[in-house]
């Protein structure tokens, strides 16, 4: 009987010691989290290190803690070393058929949150990159769309032959005129896609097939025309 009580008392003592050790335990990571929490409350600005670009944002480190920054919260205004930014961009793009591709954002709302100044800054950084040609797939959901188009050497607009699409195109061209972007309208190349019997099944097959052949003819015609 006394032996059982002794064992029970020993286990209770052990449990209390474990509980006490947890309540007093403080490692370096917990102290960093406390520091970050305090910086958040104080709205204190701090520097982060971008480790890589992923779909929907960027992986970053702050005080040694790994974090994710959504694309809508990224700002290129504070890029201090363009060469380092481009180096990381080269490392994170996906290579498809000889082209470097940045994967699309998982949510269109994230793109809408990016201001026109950020797009302009991105183009400025890319102007000093290794790329000779930059292709942009843009839509009306992009803020600062007209300013971006104004910087483009070629502007291709896919059109359709139906009343609704033609009305939208007419409205779009009128908006360009009223907004002072007549030059964008004049440089816009309208392209009507034919009916393709088969489209590429994935991004790795964009360089062959009917779509690739049609695109090649459009580009060759523009090259001959000096566009």
Protein backbone atom coordinates (compact mmCIF):
# COMPACT_ATOMS: atom_id res chain seq x y z
CA UNK A 1 0.00 0.00 0.00
CA UNK A 2 2.72 2.42 1.03
CA UNK A 3 4.73 1.46 -2.07
CA UNK A 4 1.77 2.33 -4.37
CA UNK A 5 1.34 5.72 -2.67
CA UNK A 6 5.05 6.40 -3.09
CA UNK A 7 4.83 5.62 -6.83
CA UNK A 8 1.77 7.85 -7.21
CA UNK A 9 3.47 10.71 -5.39
CA UNK A 10 6.55 10.31 -7.57
CA UNK A 11 4.48 10.50 -10.79
CA UNK A 12 2.63 13.60 -9.52
CA UNK A 13 5.89 15.27 -8.70
CA UNK A 14 7.22 14.42 -12.14
CA UNK A 15 4.12 15.85 -13.85
CA UNK A 16 4.42 19.05 -11.86
CA UNK A 17 8.05 19.40 -12.88
CA UNK A 18 7.13 18.97 -16.56
CA UNK A 19 4.38 21.57 -16.27
CA UNK A 20 6.75 23.99 -14.60
CA UNK A 21 9.39 23.47 -17.27
CA UNK A 22 6.87 24.27 -20.04
CA UNK A 23 5.66 27.43 -18.32
CA UNK A 24 9.22 28.68 -17.89
CA UNK A 25 10.52 27.51 -21.25
CA UNK A 26 11.58 30.33 -23.57
CA UNK A 27 13.63 29.63 -26.69
CA UNK A 28 15.09 32.10 -29.23
CA UNK A 29 12.20 31.68 -31.68
CA UNK A 30 9.61 32.61 -29.07
CA UNK A 31 11.55 35.74 -28.19
CA UNK A 32 11.70 36.69 -31.90
CA UNK A 33 7.93 36.18 -32.23
CA UNK A 34 7.40 38.45 -29.23
CA UNK A 35 9.62 41.04 -30.91
CA UNK A 36 7.70 40.81 -34.19
CA UNK A 37 4.39 41.05 -32.36
CA UNK A 38 5.58 44.21 -30.63
CA UNK A 39 6.79 45.68 -33.95
CA UNK A 40 3.37 44.96 -35.42
CA UNK A 41 1.62 46.76 -32.55
CA UNK A 42 4.01 49.70 -32.88
CA UNK A 43 3.56 49.69 -36.69
CA UNK A 44 7.32 49.68 -37.01
CA UNK A 45 8.80 49.25 -40.50
CA UNK A 46 11.46 46.56 -40.94
CA UNK A 47 13.46 44.98 -43.75
CA UNK A 48 12.87 41.49 -45.11
CA UNK A 49 14.94 39.25 -47.34
CA UNK A 50 13.13 37.81 -50.37
CA UNK A 51 14.11 34.16 -50.75
CA UNK A 52 12.08 33.38 -53.83
CA UNK A 53 8.98 34.07 -55.94
CA UNK A 54 6.15 31.54 -55.87
CA UNK A 55 2.63 31.43 -57.24
CA UNK A 56 0.63 34.16 -55.53
CA UNK A 57 3.48 35.95 -53.79
CA UNK A 58 6.98 35.65 -52.38
CA UNK A 59 8.82 33.71 -49.70
CA UNK A 60 10.68 36.03 -47.35
CA UNK A 61 12.69 35.94 -44.12
CA UNK A 62 12.46 38.44 -41.29
CA UNK A 63 14.60 38.04 -38.19
CA UNK A 64 15.30 34.49 -39.39
CA UNK A 65 11.59 33.58 -39.51
CA UNK A 66 10.23 32.25 -42.82
CA UNK A 67 7.16 34.15 -44.07
CA UNK A 68 4.87 34.43 -47.08
CA UNK A 69 4.00 37.81 -48.65
CA UNK A 70 0.92 37.84 -50.97
CA UNK A 71 1.50 39.48 -54.34
CA UNK A 72 -0.99 42.22 -53.43
CA UNK A 73 1.25 43.27 -50.52
CA UNK A 74 4.53 43.36 -52.42
CA UNK A 75 6.08 46.71 -53.27
CA UNK A 76 8.94 47.16 -55.73
CA UNK A 77 9.45 50.72 -54.54
CA UNK A 78 11.86 49.53 -51.88
CA UNK A 79 14.06 47.35 -54.09
CA UNK A 80 17.51 48.66 -53.21
CA UNK A 81 19.58 46.32 -55.40
CA UNK A 82 18.02 45.70 -58.83
CA UNK A 83 20.73 43.17 -59.69
CA UNK A 84 19.81 41.05 -56.68
CA UNK A 85 16.10 41.29 -57.55
CA UNK A 86 16.75 40.15 -61.12
CA UNK A 87 19.03 37.35 -59.93
CA UNK A 88 16.26 35.93 -57.77
CA UNK A 89 13.76 36.42 -60.58
CA UNK A 90 15.93 34.34 -62.91
CA UNK A 91 16.08 31.61 -60.29
CA UNK A 92 12.33 31.39 -59.72
CA UNK A 93 10.86 31.67 -63.22
CA UNK A 94 9.70 28.52 -64.98
CA UNK A 95 11.43 27.64 -68.25
CA UNK A 96 8.94 26.65 -70.97
CA UNK A 97 9.99 26.14 -74.60
CA UNK A 98 12.99 28.42 -74.29
CA UNK A 99 11.03 31.18 -72.56
CA UNK A 100 11.13 32.26 -68.91
CA UNK A 101 7.59 32.37 -67.53
CA UNK A 102 6.20 33.85 -64.33
CA UNK A 103 3.24 31.73 -63.30
CA UNK A 104 -0.08 33.61 -63.09
CA UNK A 105 -1.45 34.68 -59.75
CA UNK A 106 -3.84 32.20 -58.17
CA UNK A 107 -6.36 34.98 -57.49
CA UNK A 108 -7.25 37.82 -59.85
CA UNK A 109 -8.04 40.09 -56.90
CA UNK A 110 -4.36 39.98 -55.92
CA UNK A 111 -3.42 41.49 -59.28
CA UNK A 112 -6.02 44.22 -58.91
CA UNK A 113 -4.44 45.25 -55.60
CA UNK A 114 -1.13 46.03 -57.36
CA UNK A 115 -0.90 49.76 -58.06
CA UNK A 116 0.16 51.26 -61.37
CA UNK A 117 3.36 52.56 -59.77
CA UNK A 118 4.33 48.99 -58.95
CA UNK A 119 3.81 47.87 -62.54
CA UNK A 120 5.89 50.79 -63.78
CA UNK A 121 8.67 49.94 -61.34
CA UNK A 122 8.62 46.30 -62.46
CA UNK A 123 9.01 47.34 -66.11
CA UNK A 124 11.88 49.63 -65.16
CA UNK A 125 13.65 46.77 -63.41
CA UNK A 126 13.05 44.41 -66.34
CA UNK A 127 14.44 47.02 -68.75
CA UNK A 128 17.84 46.34 -67.22
CA UNK A 129 17.47 42.57 -67.38
CA UNK A 130 18.82 39.98 -69.81
CA UNK A 131 15.50 39.82 -71.68
CA UNK A 132 15.22 41.27 -75.17
CA UNK A 133 11.44 40.81 -75.37
CA UNK A 134 8.87 40.87 -72.57
CA UNK A 135 5.37 39.51 -73.20
CA UNK A 136 2.53 40.70 -70.98
CA UNK A 137 -0.90 39.07 -70.81
CA UNK A 138 -3.06 41.95 -69.62
CA UNK A 139 -6.76 42.51 -68.97
CA UNK A 140 -8.99 45.37 -67.90
CA UNK A 141 -8.53 44.27 -64.29
CA UNK A 142 -4.98 45.66 -64.22
CA UNK A 143 -4.63 49.05 -62.53
CA UNK A 144 -2.74 51.53 -64.69
CA UNK A 145 -3.47 49.45 -67.78
CA UNK A 146 -3.26 52.36 -70.25
CA UNK A 147 0.10 53.52 -68.85
CA UNK A 148 1.48 50.00 -69.22
CA UNK A 149 0.18 49.67 -72.77
CA UNK A 150 1.73 53.03 -73.63
CA UNK A 151 5.15 51.56 -72.85
CA UNK A 152 4.64 48.53 -75.05
CA UNK A 153 6.21 48.31 -78.49
CA UNK A 154 3.42 46.13 -79.86
CA UNK A 155 -0.16 45.80 -78.66
CA UNK A 156 -2.26 42.84 -79.79
CA UNK A 157 -5.97 42.79 -79.03
CA UNK A 158 -7.96 39.64 -79.73
CA UNK A 159 -11.38 40.48 -81.18
CA UNK A 160 -14.46 38.44 -82.06
CA UNK A 161 -17.14 38.86 -84.68
CA UNK A 162 -20.29 39.28 -82.63
CA UNK A 163 -22.31 42.31 -81.68
CA UNK A 164 -21.57 42.24 -77.97
CA UNK A 165 -17.79 41.91 -78.44
CA UNK A 166 -17.74 44.65 -81.08
CA UNK A 167 -19.67 46.99 -78.78
CA UNK A 168 -17.18 46.38 -75.96
CA UNK A 169 -14.27 47.02 -78.33
CA UNK A 170 -15.82 50.28 -79.51
CA UNK A 171 -16.32 51.39 -75.91
CA UNK A 172 -12.72 50.49 -75.11
CA UNK A 173 -11.38 52.53 -78.02
CA UNK A 174 -13.52 55.52 -77.05
CA UNK A 175 -12.18 55.29 -73.48
CA UNK A 176 -8.63 55.35 -74.83
CA UNK A 177 -9.43 58.50 -76.82
CA UNK A 178 -11.07 60.30 -73.89
CA UNK A 179 -8.22 59.34 -71.57
CA UNK A 180 -5.59 60.83 -73.85
CA UNK A 181 -4.19 57.53 -75.15
CA UNK A 182 -4.92 57.90 -78.84
CA UNK A 183 -1.42 56.63 -79.57
CA UNK A 184 -2.25 53.35 -77.85
CA UNK A 185 -5.38 53.01 -79.95
CA UNK A 186 -3.49 53.71 -83.17
CA UNK A 187 -0.81 51.15 -82.35
CA UNK A 188 -3.30 48.50 -81.34
CA UNK A 189 -3.24 45.48 -83.67
CA UNK A 190 -6.61 43.73 -83.83
CA UNK A 191 -6.33 39.98 -84.31
CA UNK A 192 -9.23 37.67 -85.13
CA UNK A 193 -8.41 34.09 -84.26
CA UNK A 194 -9.54 31.42 -86.72
CA UNK A 195 -11.26 28.25 -85.59
CA UNK A 196 -8.59 25.77 -84.55
CA UNK A 197 -9.29 22.07 -84.82
CA UNK A 198 -6.94 21.39 -81.92
CA UNK A 199 -5.29 23.57 -79.27
CA UNK A 200 -2.09 22.77 -77.34
CA UNK A 201 -2.84 20.48 -74.44
CA UNK A 202 -0.43 22.31 -72.11
CA UNK A 203 2.21 25.05 -71.93
CA UNK A 204 4.95 22.70 -73.12
CA UNK A 205 3.37 22.41 -76.57
CA UNK A 206 2.82 26.07 -77.43
CA UNK A 207 5.61 26.05 -80.03
CA UNK A 208 3.85 23.61 -82.37
CA UNK A 209 0.42 23.14 -83.90
CA UNK A 210 -2.13 25.42 -85.52
CA UNK A 211 -2.00 28.15 -82.89
CA UNK A 212 1.81 28.41 -83.11
CA UNK A 213 1.67 28.51 -86.91
CA UNK A 214 -0.95 31.27 -86.92
CA UNK A 215 0.96 33.31 -84.32
CA UNK A 216 4.15 32.96 -86.33
CA UNK A 217 2.47 34.32 -89.46
CA UNK A 218 1.10 37.33 -87.56
CA UNK A 219 4.52 38.17 -86.15
CA UNK A 220 6.27 37.71 -89.49
CA UNK A 221 3.78 40.01 -91.20
CA UNK A 222 4.38 42.70 -88.58
CA UNK A 223 8.13 42.33 -88.93
CA UNK A 224 7.89 42.85 -92.70
CA UNK A 225 5.64 45.85 -92.15
CA UNK A 226 8.16 47.34 -89.73
CA UNK A 227 5.74 47.30 -86.81
